[in-house]
Amino acid sequence: MEMEGNRTARVEARIAPEALAVIKRAAEMQGRSVSDFVVSAAYDTAKRAIEEARIVRLSLADQRAFVQALLDPPPPGEGLTKAAADHRRLIEGRR
């Protein structure tokens, strides 16, 4: 586990006896305490959930539309044209 710092915080949870028995057994099989096993599993799951939330998944139709927009982009709208002109004036004004 790649946790930072040495500080700890207490987390409490209610758990069904059957689930606790399974967790205890798994922790024993790995030679770990129940607390260490649970914290490690929660930490790994949390990191995986965060990483998966960063991934954008597109349907095949959406993938094709995205690629088509990259290969043949629509002409810039009025707002983008104005922003580009403002940017050019700002950059050229600094020289």
PDB file of N, CA and C in Angstrom:
ATOM      1  N   MET A   1       0.836  -1.177   0.000  1.00  0.00           N
ATOM      2  CA  MET A   1       0.000   0.000   0.000  1.00  0.00           C
ATOM      3  C   MET A   1       0.878   1.236   0.000  1.00  0.00           C
ATOM      4  N   GLU A   2       0.480   2.276  -0.751  1.00  0.00           N
ATOM      5  CA  GLU A   2       1.284   3.477  -0.904  1.00  0.00           C
ATOM      6  C   GLU A   2       0.647   4.645  -0.163  1.00  0.00           C
ATOM      7  N   MET A   3       0.331   4.490   1.090  1.00  0.00           N
ATOM      8  CA  MET A   3      -0.305   5.567   1.831  1.00  0.00           C
ATOM      9  C   MET A   3       0.759   6.501   2.378  1.00  0.00           C
ATOM     10  N   GLU A   4       0.411   7.795   2.403  1.00  0.00           N
ATOM     11  CA  GLU A   4       1.367   8.810   2.824  1.00  0.00           C
ATOM     12  C   GLU A   4       1.256   9.072   4.313  1.00  0.00           C
ATOM     13  N   GLY A   5       2.377   9.414   4.904  1.00  0.00           N
ATOM     14  CA  GLY A   5       2.382   9.833   6.303  1.00  0.00           C
ATOM     15  C   GLY A   5       2.209   8.684   7.271  1.00  0.00           C
ATOM     16  N   ASN A   6       2.374   9.005   8.551  1.00  0.00           N
ATOM     17  CA  ASN A   6       2.255   7.993   9.586  1.00  0.00           C
ATOM     18  C   ASN A   6       0.986   8.156  10.408  1.00  0.00           C
ATOM     19  N   ARG A   7       0.208   9.177  10.134  1.00  0.00           N
ATOM     20  CA  ARG A   7      -1.007   9.408  10.891  1.00  0.00           C
ATOM     21  C   ARG A   7      -2.036   8.347  10.550  1.00  0.00           C
ATOM     22  N   THR A   8      -2.844   8.037  11.513  1.00  0.00           N
ATOM     23  CA  THR A   8      -3.915   7.076  11.273  1.00  0.00           C
ATOM     24  C   THR A   8      -5.229   7.675  11.746  1.00  0.00           C
ATOM     25  N   ALA A   9      -6.295   7.161  11.226  1.00  0.00           N
ATOM     26  CA  ALA A   9      -7.637   7.569  11.628  1.00  0.00           C
ATOM     27  C   ALA A   9      -8.463   6.310  11.805  1.00  0.00           C
ATOM     28  N   ARG A  10      -9.406   6.361  12.697  1.00  0.00           N
ATOM     29  CA  ARG A  10     -10.253   5.207  12.963  1.00  0.00           C
ATOM     30  C   ARG A  10     -11.444   5.230  12.010  1.00  0.00           C
ATOM     31  N   VAL A  11     -11.760   4.066  11.470  1.00  0.00           N
ATOM     32  CA  VAL A  11     -12.944   3.888  10.641  1.00  0.00           C
ATOM     33  C   VAL A  11     -13.743   2.757  11.269  1.00  0.00           C
ATOM     34  N   GLU A  12     -15.015   2.985  11.453  1.00  0.00           N
ATOM     35  CA  GLU A  12     -15.866   1.942  12.028  1.00  0.00           C
ATOM     36  C   GLU A  12     -16.894   1.524  10.994  1.00  0.00           C
ATOM     37  N   ALA A  13     -17.237   0.249  11.019  1.00  0.00           N
ATOM     38  CA  ALA A  13     -18.245  -0.265  10.091  1.00  0.00           C
ATOM     39  C   ALA A  13     -18.980  -1.423  10.749  1.00  0.00           C
ATOM     40  N   ARG A  14     -20.231  -1.511  10.445  1.00  0.00           N
ATOM     41  CA  ARG A  14     -21.015  -2.666  10.898  1.00  0.00           C
ATOM     42  C   ARG A  14     -20.936  -3.710   9.796  1.00  0.00           C
ATOM     43  N   ILE A  15     -20.787  -4.946  10.181  1.00  0.00           N
ATOM     44  CA  ILE A  15     -20.622  -6.009   9.195  1.00  0.00           C
ATOM     45  C   ILE A  15     -21.350  -7.258   9.668  1.00  0.00           C
ATOM     46  N   ALA A  16     -21.983  -7.930   8.740  1.00  0.00           N
ATOM     47  CA  ALA A  16     -22.716  -9.156   9.060  1.00  0.00           C
ATOM     48  C   ALA A  16     -21.726 -10.212   9.532  1.00  0.00           C
ATOM     49  N   PRO A  17     -22.135 -11.047  10.485  1.00  0.00           N
ATOM     50  CA  PRO A  17     -21.228 -12.082  11.004  1.00  0.00           C
ATOM     51  C   PRO A  17     -20.665 -12.992   9.913  1.00  0.00           C
ATOM     52  N   GLU A  18     -21.473 -13.307   8.912  1.00  0.00           N
ATOM     53  CA  GLU A  18     -20.995 -14.186   7.830  1.00  0.00           C
ATOM     54  C   GLU A  18     -19.884 -13.497   7.039  1.00  0.00           C
ATOM     55  N   ALA A  19     -20.050 -12.209   6.774  1.00  0.00           N
ATOM     56  CA  ALA A  19     -19.026 -11.460   6.037  1.00  0.00           C
ATOM     57  C   ALA A  19     -17.754 -11.355   6.870  1.00  0.00           C
ATOM     58  N   LEU A  20     -17.900 -11.108   8.172  1.00  0.00           N
ATOM     59  CA  LEU A  20     -16.729 -11.011   9.042  1.00  0.00           C
ATOM     60  C   LEU A  20     -15.974 -12.329   9.077  1.00  0.00           C
ATOM     61  N   ALA A  21     -16.692 -13.438   9.102  1.00  0.00           N
ATOM     62  CA  ALA A  21     -16.034 -14.748   9.111  1.00  0.00           C
ATOM     63  C   ALA A  21     -15.203 -14.950   7.844  1.00  0.00           C
ATOM     64  N   VAL A  22     -15.740 -14.546   6.702  1.00  0.00           N
ATOM     65  CA  VAL A  22     -15.013 -14.682   5.434  1.00  0.00           C
ATOM     66  C   VAL A  22     -13.778 -13.782   5.440  1.00  0.00           C
ATOM     67  N   ILE A  23     -13.944 -12.557   5.913  1.00  0.00           N
ATOM     68  CA  ILE A  23     -12.819 -11.614   5.957  1.00  0.00           C
ATOM     69  C   ILE A  23     -11.737 -12.113   6.906  1.00  0.00           C
ATOM     70  N   LYS A  24     -12.150 -12.621   8.073  1.00  0.00           N
ATOM     71  CA  LYS A  24     -11.170 -13.166   9.022  1.00  0.00           C
ATOM     72  C   LYS A  24     -10.397 -14.309   8.393  1.00  0.00           C
ATOM     73  N   ARG A  25     -11.104 -15.185   7.709  1.00  0.00           N
ATOM     74  CA  ARG A  25     -10.451 -16.346   7.077  1.00  0.00           C
ATOM     75  C   ARG A  25      -9.443 -15.891   6.017  1.00  0.00           C
ATOM     76  N   ALA A  26      -9.836 -14.941   5.201  1.00  0.00           N
ATOM     77  CA  ALA A  26      -8.939 -14.447   4.151  1.00  0.00           C
ATOM     78  C   ALA A  26      -7.724 -13.752   4.764  1.00  0.00           C
ATOM     79  N   ALA A  27      -7.952 -12.967   5.813  1.00  0.00           N
ATOM     80  CA  ALA A  27      -6.841 -12.284   6.476  1.00  0.00           C
ATOM     81  C   ALA A  27      -5.873 -13.301   7.068  1.00  0.00           C
ATOM     82  N   GLU A  28      -6.405 -14.340   7.712  1.00  0.00           N
ATOM     83  CA  GLU A  28      -5.556 -15.388   8.285  1.00  0.00           C
ATOM     84  C   GLU A  28      -4.742 -16.084   7.196  1.00  0.00           C
ATOM     85  N   MET A  29      -5.370 -16.332   6.052  1.00  0.00           N
ATOM     86  CA  MET A  29      -4.676 -17.016   4.962  1.00  0.00           C
ATOM     87  C   MET A  29      -3.506 -16.190   4.434  1.00  0.00           C
ATOM     88  N   GLN A  30      -3.613 -14.880   4.550  1.00  0.00           N
ATOM     89  CA  GLN A  30      -2.534 -14.007   4.094  1.00  0.00           C
ATOM     90  C   GLN A  30      -1.603 -13.604   5.226  1.00  0.00           C
ATOM     91  N   GLY A  31      -1.865 -14.082   6.427  1.00  0.00           N
ATOM     92  CA  GLY A  31      -1.016 -13.754   7.562  1.00  0.00           C
ATOM     93  C   GLY A  31      -1.122 -12.289   7.969  1.00  0.00           C
ATOM     94  N   ARG A  32      -2.301 -11.724   7.821  1.00  0.00           N
ATOM     95  CA  ARG A  32      -2.523 -10.318   8.129  1.00  0.00           C
ATOM     96  C   ARG A  32      -3.613 -10.180   9.179  1.00  0.00           C
ATOM     97  N   SER A  33      -3.626  -9.029   9.819  1.00  0.00           N
ATOM     98  CA  SER A  33      -4.719  -8.742  10.744  1.00  0.00           C
ATOM     99  C   SER A  33      -5.968  -8.401   9.928  1.00  0.00           C
ATOM    100  N   VAL A  34      -7.114  -8.552  10.559  1.00  0.00           N
ATOM    101  CA  VAL A  34      -8.367  -8.195   9.899  1.00  0.00           C
ATOM    102  C   VAL A  34      -8.335  -6.719   9.517  1.00  0.00           C
ATOM    103  N   SER A  35      -7.851  -5.894  10.422  1.00  0.00           N
ATOM    104  CA  SER A  35      -7.786  -4.461  10.161  1.00  0.00           C
ATOM    105  C   SER A  35      -6.915  -4.163   8.943  1.00  0.00           C
ATOM    106  N   ASP A  36      -5.735  -4.750   8.889  1.00  0.00           N
ATOM    107  CA  ASP A  36      -4.833  -4.530   7.763  1.00  0.00           C
ATOM    108  C   ASP A  36      -5.461  -5.037   6.472  1.00  0.00           C
ATOM    109  N   PHE A  37      -6.082  -6.190   6.527  1.00  0.00           N
ATOM    110  CA  PHE A  37      -6.719  -6.766   5.342  1.00  0.00           C
ATOM    111  C   PHE A  37      -7.827  -5.855   4.819  1.00  0.00           C
ATOM    112  N   VAL A  38      -8.688  -5.385   5.713  1.00  0.00           N
ATOM    113  CA  VAL A  38      -9.818  -4.543   5.317  1.00  0.00           C
ATOM    114  C   VAL A  38      -9.334  -3.201   4.779  1.00  0.00           C
ATOM    115  N   VAL A  39      -8.379  -2.583   5.465  1.00  0.00           N
ATOM    116  CA  VAL A  39      -7.869  -1.287   5.013  1.00  0.00           C
ATOM    117  C   VAL A  39      -7.203  -1.431   3.647  1.00  0.00           C
ATOM    118  N   SER A  40      -6.416  -2.454   3.467  1.00  0.00           N
ATOM    119  CA  SER A  40      -5.739  -2.667   2.199  1.00  0.00           C
ATOM    120  C   SER A  40      -6.742  -2.903   1.069  1.00  0.00           C
ATOM    121  N   ALA A  41      -7.743  -3.730   1.325  1.00  0.00           N
ATOM    122  CA  ALA A  41      -8.757  -4.011   0.303  1.00  0.00           C
ATOM    123  C   ALA A  41      -9.544  -2.751  -0.045  1.00  0.00           C
ATOM    124  N   ALA A  42      -9.919  -1.977   0.956  1.00  0.00           N
ATOM    125  CA  ALA A  42     -10.670  -0.744   0.710  1.00  0.00           C
ATOM    126  C   ALA A  42      -9.819   0.257  -0.057  1.00  0.00           C
ATOM    127  N   TYR A  43      -8.563   0.384   0.323  1.00  0.00           N
ATOM    128  CA  TYR A  43      -7.649   1.318  -0.338  1.00  0.00           C
ATOM    129  C   TYR A  43      -7.462   0.944  -1.811  1.00  0.00           C
ATOM    130  N   ASP A  44      -7.199  -0.328  -2.067  1.00  0.00           N
ATOM    131  CA  ASP A  44      -7.008  -0.784  -3.450  1.00  0.00           C
ATOM    132  C   ASP A  44      -8.271  -0.566  -4.273  1.00  0.00           C
ATOM    133  N   THR A  45      -9.428  -0.861  -3.701  1.00  0.00           N
ATOM    134  CA  THR A  45     -10.690  -0.679  -4.406  1.00  0.00           C
ATOM    135  C   THR A  45     -10.960   0.795  -4.674  1.00  0.00           C
ATOM    136  N   ALA A  46     -10.658   1.646  -3.719  1.00  0.00           N
ATOM    137  CA  ALA A  46     -10.860   3.087  -3.897  1.00  0.00           C
ATOM    138  C   ALA A  46      -9.964   3.627  -5.008  1.00  0.00           C
ATOM    139  N   LYS A  47      -8.692   3.224  -5.024  1.00  0.00           N
ATOM    140  CA  LYS A  47      -7.780   3.684  -6.079  1.00  0.00           C
ATOM    141  C   LYS A  47      -8.268   3.224  -7.450  1.00  0.00           C
ATOM    142  N   ARG A  48      -8.734   1.975  -7.525  1.00  0.00           N
ATOM    143  CA  ARG A  48      -9.222   1.440  -8.791  1.00  0.00           C
ATOM    144  C   ARG A  48     -10.480   2.204  -9.244  1.00  0.00           C
ATOM    145  N   ALA A  49     -11.380   2.518  -8.317  1.00  0.00           N
ATOM    146  CA  ALA A  49     -12.605   3.262  -8.655  1.00  0.00           C
ATOM    147  C   ALA A  49     -12.266   4.650  -9.181  1.00  0.00           C
ATOM    148  N   ILE A  50     -11.307   5.303  -8.553  1.00  0.00           N
ATOM    149  CA  ILE A  50     -10.894   6.638  -8.994  1.00  0.00           C
ATOM    150  C   ILE A  50     -10.273   6.566 -10.380  1.00  0.00           C
ATOM    151  N   GLU A  51      -9.417   5.591 -10.603  1.00  0.00           N
ATOM    152  CA  GLU A  51      -8.765   5.441 -11.904  1.00  0.00           C
ATOM    153  C   GLU A  51      -9.792   5.138 -12.996  1.00  0.00           C
ATOM    154  N   GLU A  52     -10.749   4.268 -12.700  1.00  0.00           N
ATOM    155  CA  GLU A  52     -11.770   3.918 -13.694  1.00  0.00           C
ATOM    156  C   GLU A  52     -12.656   5.113 -14.019  1.00  0.00           C
ATOM    157  N   ALA A  53     -12.863   6.011 -13.069  1.00  0.00           N
ATOM    158  CA  ALA A  53     -13.686   7.196 -13.315  1.00  0.00           C
ATOM    159  C   ALA A  53     -12.990   8.152 -14.279  1.00  0.00           C
ATOM    160  N   ARG A  54     -11.692   8.053 -14.403  1.00  0.00           N
ATOM    161  CA  ARG A  54     -10.935   8.919 -15.312  1.00  0.00           C
ATOM    162  C   ARG A  54     -11.002   8.445 -16.759  1.00  0.00           C
ATOM    163  N   ILE A  55     -11.375   7.213 -16.962  1.00  0.00           N
ATOM    164  CA  ILE A  55     -11.401   6.627 -18.305  1.00  0.00           C
ATOM    165  C   ILE A  55     -12.741   6.949 -18.967  1.00  0.00           C
ATOM    166  N   VAL A  56     -12.684   7.498 -20.167  1.00  0.00           N
ATOM    167  CA  VAL A  56     -13.891   7.796 -20.922  1.00  0.00           C
ATOM    168  C   VAL A  56     -14.146   6.621 -21.855  1.00  0.00           C
ATOM    169  N   ARG A  57     -15.314   6.055 -21.731  1.00  0.00           N
ATOM    170  CA  ARG A  57     -15.680   4.919 -22.585  1.00  0.00           C
ATOM    171  C   ARG A  57     -16.749   5.382 -23.573  1.00  0.00           C
ATOM    172  N   LEU A  58     -16.503   5.108 -24.844  1.00  0.00           N
ATOM    173  CA  LEU A  58     -17.429   5.520 -25.890  1.00  0.00           C
ATOM    174  C   LEU A  58     -17.947   4.307 -26.636  1.00  0.00           C
ATOM    175  N   SER A  59     -19.199   4.380 -27.063  1.00  0.00           N
ATOM    176  CA  SER A  59     -19.745   3.340 -27.921  1.00  0.00           C
ATOM    177  C   SER A  59     -19.017   3.403 -29.264  1.00  0.00           C
ATOM    178  N   LEU A  60     -19.190   2.382 -30.080  1.00  0.00           N
ATOM    179  CA  LEU A  60     -18.543   2.364 -31.393  1.00  0.00           C
ATOM    180  C   LEU A  60     -19.010   3.554 -32.229  1.00  0.00           C
ATOM    181  N   ALA A  61     -20.293   3.867 -32.172  1.00  0.00           N
ATOM    182  CA  ALA A  61     -20.820   5.018 -32.927  1.00  0.00           C
ATOM    183  C   ALA A  61     -20.205   6.317 -32.414  1.00  0.00           C
ATOM    184  N   ASP A  62     -20.069   6.451 -31.086  1.00  0.00           N
ATOM    185  CA  ASP A  62     -19.462   7.659 -30.528  1.00  0.00           C
ATOM    186  C   ASP A  62     -17.987   7.754 -30.888  1.00  0.00           C
ATOM    187  N   GLN A  63     -17.290   6.617 -30.926  1.00  0.00           N
ATOM    188  CA  GLN A  63     -15.882   6.616 -31.319  1.00  0.00           C
ATOM    189  C   GLN A  63     -15.743   7.119 -32.753  1.00  0.00           C
ATOM    190  N   ARG A  64     -16.613   6.639 -33.618  1.00  0.00           N
ATOM    191  CA  ARG A  64     -16.559   7.065 -35.025  1.00  0.00           C
ATOM    192  C   ARG A  64     -16.855   8.555 -35.162  1.00  0.00           C
ATOM    193  N   ALA A  65     -17.838   9.041 -34.408  1.00  0.00           N
ATOM    194  CA  ALA A  65     -18.182  10.467 -34.456  1.00  0.00           C
ATOM    195  C   ALA A  65     -17.016  11.315 -33.947  1.00  0.00           C
ATOM    196  N   PHE A  66     -16.346  10.851 -32.907  1.00  0.00           N
ATOM    197  CA  PHE A  66     -15.207  11.578 -32.349  1.00  0.00           C
ATOM    198  C   PHE A  66     -14.072  11.658 -33.372  1.00  0.00           C
ATOM    199  N   VAL A  67     -13.735  10.523 -33.968  1.00  0.00           N
ATOM    200  CA  VAL A  67     -12.664  10.497 -34.971  1.00  0.00           C
ATOM    201  C   VAL A  67     -13.036  11.359 -36.174  1.00  0.00           C
ATOM    202  N   GLN A  68     -14.288  11.282 -36.594  1.00  0.00           N
ATOM    203  CA  GLN A  68     -14.728  12.100 -37.736  1.00  0.00           C
ATOM    204  C   GLN A  68     -14.596  13.587 -37.415  1.00  0.00           C
ATOM    205  N   ALA A  69     -14.935  13.981 -36.189  1.00  0.00           N
ATOM    206  CA  ALA A  69     -14.804  15.386 -35.792  1.00  0.00           C
ATOM    207  C   ALA A  69     -13.342  15.824 -35.772  1.00  0.00           C
ATOM    208  N   LEU A  70     -12.438  14.898 -35.421  1.00  0.00           N
ATOM    209  CA  LEU A  70     -11.007  15.226 -35.450  1.00  0.00           C
ATOM    210  C   LEU A  70     -10.490  15.348 -36.874  1.00  0.00           C
ATOM    211  N   LEU A  71     -10.920  14.417 -37.743  1.00  0.00           N
ATOM    212  CA  LEU A  71     -10.430  14.397 -39.120  1.00  0.00           C
ATOM    213  C   LEU A  71     -11.064  15.483 -39.987  1.00  0.00           C
ATOM    214  N   ASP A  72     -12.311  15.817 -39.703  1.00  0.00           N
ATOM    215  CA  ASP A  72     -13.024  16.810 -40.508  1.00  0.00           C
ATOM    216  C   ASP A  72     -13.802  17.726 -39.562  1.00  0.00           C
ATOM    217  N   PRO A  73     -13.090  18.596 -38.838  1.00  0.00           N
ATOM    218  CA  PRO A  73     -13.765  19.427 -37.838  1.00  0.00           C
ATOM    219  C   PRO A  73     -14.699  20.444 -38.482  1.00  0.00           C
ATOM    220  N   PRO A  74     -15.752  20.796 -37.781  1.00  0.00           N
ATOM    221  CA  PRO A  74     -16.650  21.833 -38.309  1.00  0.00           C
ATOM    222  C   PRO A  74     -15.933  23.180 -38.293  1.00  0.00           C
ATOM    223  N   PRO A  75     -16.405  24.126 -39.092  1.00  0.00           N
ATOM    224  CA  PRO A  75     -15.758  25.451 -39.087  1.00  0.00           C
ATOM    225  C   PRO A  75     -15.944  26.108 -37.713  1.00  0.00           C
ATOM    226  N   PRO A  76     -15.003  26.964 -37.324  1.00  0.00           N
ATOM    227  CA  PRO A  76     -15.116  27.606 -36.012  1.00  0.00           C
ATOM    228  C   PRO A  76     -16.331  28.526 -35.959  1.00  0.00           C
ATOM    229  N   GLY A  77     -16.955  28.549 -34.797  1.00  0.00           N
ATOM    230  CA  GLY A  77     -18.094  29.424 -34.601  1.00  0.00           C
ATOM    231  C   GLY A  77     -17.648  30.848 -34.316  1.00  0.00           C
ATOM    232  N   GLU A  78     -18.634  31.723 -34.162  1.00  0.00           N
ATOM    233  CA  GLU A  78     -18.351  33.145 -33.948  1.00  0.00           C
ATOM    234  C   GLU A  78     -17.535  33.371 -32.673  1.00  0.00           C
ATOM    235  N   GLY A  79     -17.871  32.666 -31.601  1.00  0.00           N
ATOM    236  CA  GLY A  79     -17.152  32.843 -30.335  1.00  0.00           C
ATOM    237  C   GLY A  79     -15.694  32.433 -30.434  1.00  0.00           C
ATOM    238  N   LEU A  80     -15.432  31.319 -31.091  1.00  0.00           N
ATOM    239  CA  LEU A  80     -14.046  30.854 -31.243  1.00  0.00           C
ATOM    240  C   LEU A  80     -13.251  31.799 -32.142  1.00  0.00           C
ATOM    241  N   THR A  81     -13.879  32.268 -33.202  1.00  0.00           N
ATOM    242  CA  THR A  81     -13.213  33.206 -34.105  1.00  0.00           C
ATOM    243  C   THR A  81     -12.833  34.483 -33.358  1.00  0.00           C
ATOM    244  N   LYS A  82     -13.756  35.006 -32.537  1.00  0.00           N
ATOM    245  CA  LYS A  82     -13.481  36.210 -31.753  1.00  0.00           C
ATOM    246  C   LYS A  82     -12.372  35.947 -30.736  1.00  0.00           C
ATOM    247  N   ALA A  83     -12.410  34.799 -30.067  1.00  0.00           N
ATOM    248  CA  ALA A  83     -11.387  34.469 -29.067  1.00  0.00           C
ATOM    249  C   ALA A  83     -10.013  34.369 -29.723  1.00  0.00           C
ATOM    250  N   ALA A  84      -9.947  33.779 -30.905  1.00  0.00           N
ATOM    251  CA  ALA A  84      -8.664  33.671 -31.614  1.00  0.00           C
ATOM    252  C   ALA A  84      -8.137  35.048 -31.986  1.00  0.00           C
ATOM    253  N   ALA A  85      -9.028  35.930 -32.439  1.00  0.00           N
ATOM    254  CA  ALA A  85      -8.600  37.288 -32.798  1.00  0.00           C
ATOM    255  C   ALA A  85      -8.127  38.047 -31.559  1.00  0.00           C
ATOM    256  N   ASP A  86      -8.850  37.900 -30.454  1.00  0.00           N
ATOM    257  CA  ASP A  86      -8.437  38.538 -29.195  1.00  0.00           C
ATOM    258  C   ASP A  86      -7.073  38.011 -28.745  1.00  0.00           C
ATOM    259  N   HIS A  87      -6.871  36.723 -28.878  1.00  0.00           N
ATOM    260  CA  HIS A  87      -5.594  36.111 -28.483  1.00  0.00           C
ATOM    261  C   HIS A  87      -4.448  36.661 -29.342  1.00  0.00           C
ATOM    262  N   ARG A  88      -4.680  36.747 -30.653  1.00  0.00           N
ATOM    263  CA  ARG A  88      -3.641  37.288 -31.547  1.00  0.00           C
ATOM    264  C   ARG A  88      -3.289  38.724 -31.159  1.00  0.00           C
ATOM    265  N   ARG A  89      -4.302  39.546 -30.891  1.00  0.00           N
ATOM    266  CA  ARG A  89      -4.044  40.935 -30.499  1.00  0.00           C
ATOM    267  C   ARG A  89      -3.261  40.985 -29.192  1.00  0.00           C
ATOM    268  N   LEU A  90      -3.616  40.143 -28.230  1.00  0.00           N
ATOM    269  CA  LEU A  90      -2.939  40.124 -26.948  1.00  0.00           C
ATOM    270  C   LEU A  90      -1.487  39.693 -27.096  1.00  0.00           C
ATOM    271  N   ILE A  91      -1.245  38.651 -27.846  1.00  0.00           N
ATOM    272  CA  ILE A  91       0.119  38.134 -28.033  1.00  0.00           C
ATOM    273  C   ILE A  91       0.956  39.124 -28.838  1.00  0.00           C
ATOM    274  N   GLU A  92       0.405  39.643 -29.924  1.00  0.00           N
ATOM    275  CA  GLU A  92       1.162  40.581 -30.757  1.00  0.00           C
ATOM    276  C   GLU A  92       1.397  41.888 -30.029  1.00  0.00           C
ATOM    277  N   GLY A  93       0.499  42.263 -29.129  1.00  0.00           N
ATOM    278  CA  GLY A  93       0.651  43.486 -28.358  1.00  0.00           C
ATOM    279  C   GLY A  93       1.776  43.409 -27.356  1.00  0.00           C
ATOM    280  N   ARG A  94       2.190  42.208 -26.966  1.00  0.00           N
ATOM    281  CA  ARG A  94       3.275  42.025 -25.989  1.00  0.00           C
ATOM    282  C   ARG A  94       4.654  42.082 -26.635  1.00  0.00           C
ATOM    283  N   ARG A  95       4.713  41.948 -27.933  1.00  0.00           N
ATOM    284  CA  ARG A  95       6.013  41.893 -28.621  1.00  0.00           C
ATOM    285  C   ARG A  95       6.596  43.244 -28.822  1.00  0.00           C
TER     286      ARG A  95
END
